[in-house]
Amino acid sequence: MTDNTLDTQLNEITATGANTPGIADHKANGKLEPDDVISGAEAEGLVLWLKASLVRAVKTAAQSAVAAIGTTVLTIGQVDWRIIGGTAALSAVLSLLTSVAGIPEVDDGANVAKIAAKN
């Protein structure tokens, strides 16, 4: 019966230098390095997605704030900034959640999983 623990598998990988799919390829020191978890190309794709989704979320929040101000008040003194801020924050969160499914500005609308899986 073979010992199939993760430590044994990692020791075998480190000793042989082989890379088993699904198991990180550790350096000789046996410590988990950032490149064992995510490649440079994957990281660049995720950073690009994050930047694009944050820009989109800020724009959406601003548009929601403008719409809420325009529909709830007659004069600037009547603005309830807590409601406007809450509306803008909620729309930003919803925009970020929607961007997880795909964002047109990155890789022709690829979602986060596709971007992370790219090599």
C-alpha atoms as a PDB file:
ATOM      1  CA  MET A   1       0.000   0.000   0.000  1.00  0.00           C
ATOM      2  CA  THR A   2       1.460   3.341  -1.000  1.00  0.00           C
ATOM      3  CA  ASP A   3       1.409   6.421   1.164  1.00  0.00           C
ATOM      4  CA  ASN A   4      -0.700   8.928  -0.742  1.00  0.00           C
ATOM      5  CA  THR A   5      -0.449  11.927   1.564  1.00  0.00           C
ATOM      6  CA  LEU A   6       0.177  15.361   0.144  1.00  0.00           C
ATOM      7  CA  ASP A   7       3.562  15.579   1.897  1.00  0.00           C
ATOM      8  CA  THR A   8       4.707  12.341   0.274  1.00  0.00           C
ATOM      9  CA  GLN A   9       3.519  13.498  -3.146  1.00  0.00           C
ATOM     10  CA  LEU A  10       5.281  16.843  -2.764  1.00  0.00           C
ATOM     11  CA  ASN A  11       8.479  15.118  -1.631  1.00  0.00           C
ATOM     12  CA  GLU A  12       8.376  12.869  -4.695  1.00  0.00           C
ATOM     13  CA  ILE A  13       7.824  15.840  -6.986  1.00  0.00           C
ATOM     14  CA  THR A  14      10.671  17.769  -5.393  1.00  0.00           C
ATOM     15  CA  ALA A  15      12.998  14.761  -5.574  1.00  0.00           C
ATOM     16  CA  THR A  16      12.206  13.835  -9.182  1.00  0.00           C
ATOM     17  CA  GLY A  17      11.587  17.313 -10.550  1.00  0.00           C
ATOM     18  CA  ALA A  18       8.402  16.050 -12.176  1.00  0.00           C
ATOM     19  CA  ASN A  19       5.316  18.196 -12.273  1.00  0.00           C
ATOM     20  CA  THR A  20       2.097  16.296 -11.680  1.00  0.00           C
ATOM     21  CA  PRO A  21      -0.997  18.145 -12.976  1.00  0.00           C
ATOM     22  CA  GLY A  22      -2.878  19.761 -10.120  1.00  0.00           C
ATOM     23  CA  ILE A  23       0.107  19.735  -7.756  1.00  0.00           C
ATOM     24  CA  ALA A  24       2.368  22.763  -7.467  1.00  0.00           C
ATOM     25  CA  ASP A  25       5.965  22.465  -8.692  1.00  0.00           C
ATOM     26  CA  HIS A  26       7.985  23.458  -5.635  1.00  0.00           C
ATOM     27  CA  LYS A  27      11.517  24.753  -5.676  1.00  0.00           C
ATOM     28  CA  ALA A  28      14.370  22.855  -4.061  1.00  0.00           C
ATOM     29  CA  ASN A  29      13.704  24.587  -0.735  1.00  0.00           C
ATOM     30  CA  GLY A  30      10.247  23.003  -0.540  1.00  0.00           C
ATOM     31  CA  LYS A  31       8.467  26.322   0.029  1.00  0.00           C
ATOM     32  CA  LEU A  32       5.468  27.453  -1.939  1.00  0.00           C
ATOM     33  CA  GLU A  33       6.483  30.266  -4.300  1.00  0.00           C
ATOM     34  CA  PRO A  34       4.091  32.696  -6.037  1.00  0.00           C
ATOM     35  CA  ASP A  35       4.896  31.216  -9.457  1.00  0.00           C
ATOM     36  CA  ASP A  36       3.800  27.800  -8.155  1.00  0.00           C
ATOM     37  CA  VAL A  37       0.281  29.184  -7.740  1.00  0.00           C
ATOM     38  CA  ILE A  38      -0.156  31.565 -10.687  1.00  0.00           C
ATOM     39  CA  SER A  39       1.879  32.273 -13.797  1.00  0.00           C
ATOM     40  CA  GLY A  40       2.924  35.737 -14.878  1.00  0.00           C
ATOM     41  CA  ALA A  41       0.492  35.711 -17.811  1.00  0.00           C
ATOM     42  CA  GLU A  42      -2.389  34.683 -15.549  1.00  0.00           C
ATOM     43  CA  ALA A  43      -1.512  37.417 -13.060  1.00  0.00           C
ATOM     44  CA  GLU A  44      -1.362  40.028 -15.829  1.00  0.00           C
ATOM     45  CA  GLY A  45      -4.776  38.938 -17.109  1.00  0.00           C
ATOM     46  CA  LEU A  46      -6.317  39.138 -13.648  1.00  0.00           C
ATOM     47  CA  VAL A  47      -4.786  42.570 -13.001  1.00  0.00           C
ATOM     48  CA  LEU A  48      -6.129  43.807 -16.344  1.00  0.00           C
ATOM     49  CA  TRP A  49      -9.575  42.440 -15.476  1.00  0.00           C
ATOM     50  CA  LEU A  50      -9.453  44.016 -12.013  1.00  0.00           C
ATOM     51  CA  LYS A  51      -8.504  47.438 -13.391  1.00  0.00           C
ATOM     52  CA  ALA A  52     -11.214  47.327 -16.067  1.00  0.00           C
ATOM     53  CA  SER A  53     -13.889  46.143 -13.631  1.00  0.00           C
ATOM     54  CA  LEU A  54     -12.968  48.835 -11.083  1.00  0.00           C
ATOM     55  CA  VAL A  55     -13.139  51.550 -13.755  1.00  0.00           C
ATOM     56  CA  ARG A  56     -16.517  50.216 -14.813  1.00  0.00           C
ATOM     57  CA  ALA A  57     -17.722  50.095 -11.177  1.00  0.00           C
ATOM     58  CA  VAL A  58     -16.675  53.717 -10.546  1.00  0.00           C
ATOM     59  CA  LYS A  59     -18.445  54.871 -13.712  1.00  0.00           C
ATOM     60  CA  THR A  60     -21.576  52.929 -12.741  1.00  0.00           C
ATOM     61  CA  ALA A  61     -21.509  54.406  -9.223  1.00  0.00           C
ATOM     62  CA  ALA A  62     -21.188  57.929 -10.626  1.00  0.00           C
ATOM     63  CA  GLN A  63     -24.059  57.379 -13.054  1.00  0.00           C
ATOM     64  CA  SER A  64     -26.254  56.003 -10.265  1.00  0.00           C
ATOM     65  CA  ALA A  65     -25.426  58.943  -8.000  1.00  0.00           C
ATOM     66  CA  VAL A  66     -26.304  61.432 -10.745  1.00  0.00           C
ATOM     67  CA  ALA A  67     -29.575  59.635 -11.418  1.00  0.00           C
ATOM     68  CA  ALA A  68     -30.455  59.445  -7.708  1.00  0.00           C
ATOM     69  CA  ILE A  69     -29.706  63.135  -7.182  1.00  0.00           C
ATOM     70  CA  GLY A  70     -31.749  64.098 -10.215  1.00  0.00           C
ATOM     71  CA  THR A  71     -34.782  62.068  -9.226  1.00  0.00           C
ATOM     72  CA  THR A  72     -34.925  62.736  -5.483  1.00  0.00           C
ATOM     73  CA  VAL A  73     -34.401  66.478  -5.018  1.00  0.00           C
ATOM     74  CA  LEU A  74     -35.554  69.849  -6.215  1.00  0.00           C
ATOM     75  CA  THR A  75     -32.670  71.889  -4.763  1.00  0.00           C
ATOM     76  CA  ILE A  76     -29.127  71.088  -3.678  1.00  0.00           C
ATOM     77  CA  GLY A  77     -30.079  71.671  -0.051  1.00  0.00           C
ATOM     78  CA  GLN A  78     -32.494  68.750  -0.146  1.00  0.00           C
ATOM     79  CA  VAL A  79     -29.913  66.130  -1.120  1.00  0.00           C
ATOM     80  CA  ASP A  80     -29.705  63.236   1.328  1.00  0.00           C
ATOM     81  CA  TRP A  81     -26.076  62.287   0.770  1.00  0.00           C
ATOM     82  CA  ARG A  82     -26.409  59.057   2.762  1.00  0.00           C
ATOM     83  CA  ILE A  83     -28.971  57.751   0.299  1.00  0.00           C
ATOM     84  CA  ILE A  84     -26.922  58.940  -2.677  1.00  0.00           C
ATOM     85  CA  GLY A  85     -23.745  57.335  -1.267  1.00  0.00           C
ATOM     86  CA  GLY A  86     -25.542  54.097  -0.485  1.00  0.00           C
ATOM     87  CA  THR A  87     -27.062  53.960  -3.945  1.00  0.00           C
ATOM     88  CA  ALA A  88     -23.676  54.585  -5.561  1.00  0.00           C
ATOM     89  CA  ALA A  89     -21.924  51.989  -3.381  1.00  0.00           C
ATOM     90  CA  LEU A  90     -24.572  49.357  -4.074  1.00  0.00           C
ATOM     91  CA  SER A  91     -24.370  49.958  -7.815  1.00  0.00           C
ATOM     92  CA  ALA A  92     -20.549  49.673  -7.686  1.00  0.00           C
ATOM     93  CA  VAL A  93     -20.789  46.316  -5.888  1.00  0.00           C
ATOM     94  CA  LEU A  94     -23.383  45.061  -8.369  1.00  0.00           C
ATOM     95  CA  SER A  95     -21.152  46.188 -11.237  1.00  0.00           C
ATOM     96  CA  LEU A  96     -18.187  44.248  -9.821  1.00  0.00           C
ATOM     97  CA  LEU A  97     -20.318  41.134  -9.357  1.00  0.00           C
ATOM     98  CA  THR A  98     -21.611  41.435 -12.913  1.00  0.00           C
ATOM     99  CA  SER A  99     -18.040  41.818 -14.184  1.00  0.00           C
ATOM    100  CA  VAL A 100     -17.156  38.386 -12.771  1.00  0.00           C
ATOM    101  CA  ALA A 101     -19.341  36.874 -15.497  1.00  0.00           C
ATOM    102  CA  GLY A 102     -17.413  38.781 -18.156  1.00  0.00           C
ATOM    103  CA  ILE A 103     -16.295  42.250 -19.045  1.00  0.00           C
ATOM    104  CA  PRO A 104     -16.141  43.432 -22.682  1.00  0.00           C
ATOM    105  CA  GLU A 105     -13.010  45.518 -22.111  1.00  0.00           C
ATOM    106  CA  VAL A 106     -10.873  42.433 -21.332  1.00  0.00           C
ATOM    107  CA  ASP A 107     -10.212  39.544 -23.736  1.00  0.00           C
ATOM    108  CA  ASP A 108     -13.408  40.031 -25.743  1.00  0.00           C
ATOM    109  CA  GLY A 109     -15.665  39.580 -22.728  1.00  0.00           C
ATOM    110  CA  ALA A 110     -13.857  36.725 -21.032  1.00  0.00           C
ATOM    111  CA  ASN A 111     -14.904  35.935 -17.497  1.00  0.00           C
ATOM    112  CA  VAL A 112     -12.529  35.647 -14.538  1.00  0.00           C
ATOM    113  CA  ALA A 113     -12.205  31.864 -14.790  1.00  0.00           C
ATOM    114  CA  LYS A 114     -11.181  32.021 -18.465  1.00  0.00           C
ATOM    115  CA  ILE A 115      -8.651  34.779 -17.774  1.00  0.00           C
ATOM    116  CA  ALA A 116      -7.167  32.869 -14.833  1.00  0.00           C
ATOM    117  CA  ALA A 117      -6.943  29.667 -16.879  1.00  0.00           C
ATOM    118  CA  LYS A 118      -4.986  31.290 -19.717  1.00  0.00           C
ATOM    119  CA  ASN A 119      -1.313  30.385 -19.918  1.00  0.00           C
END
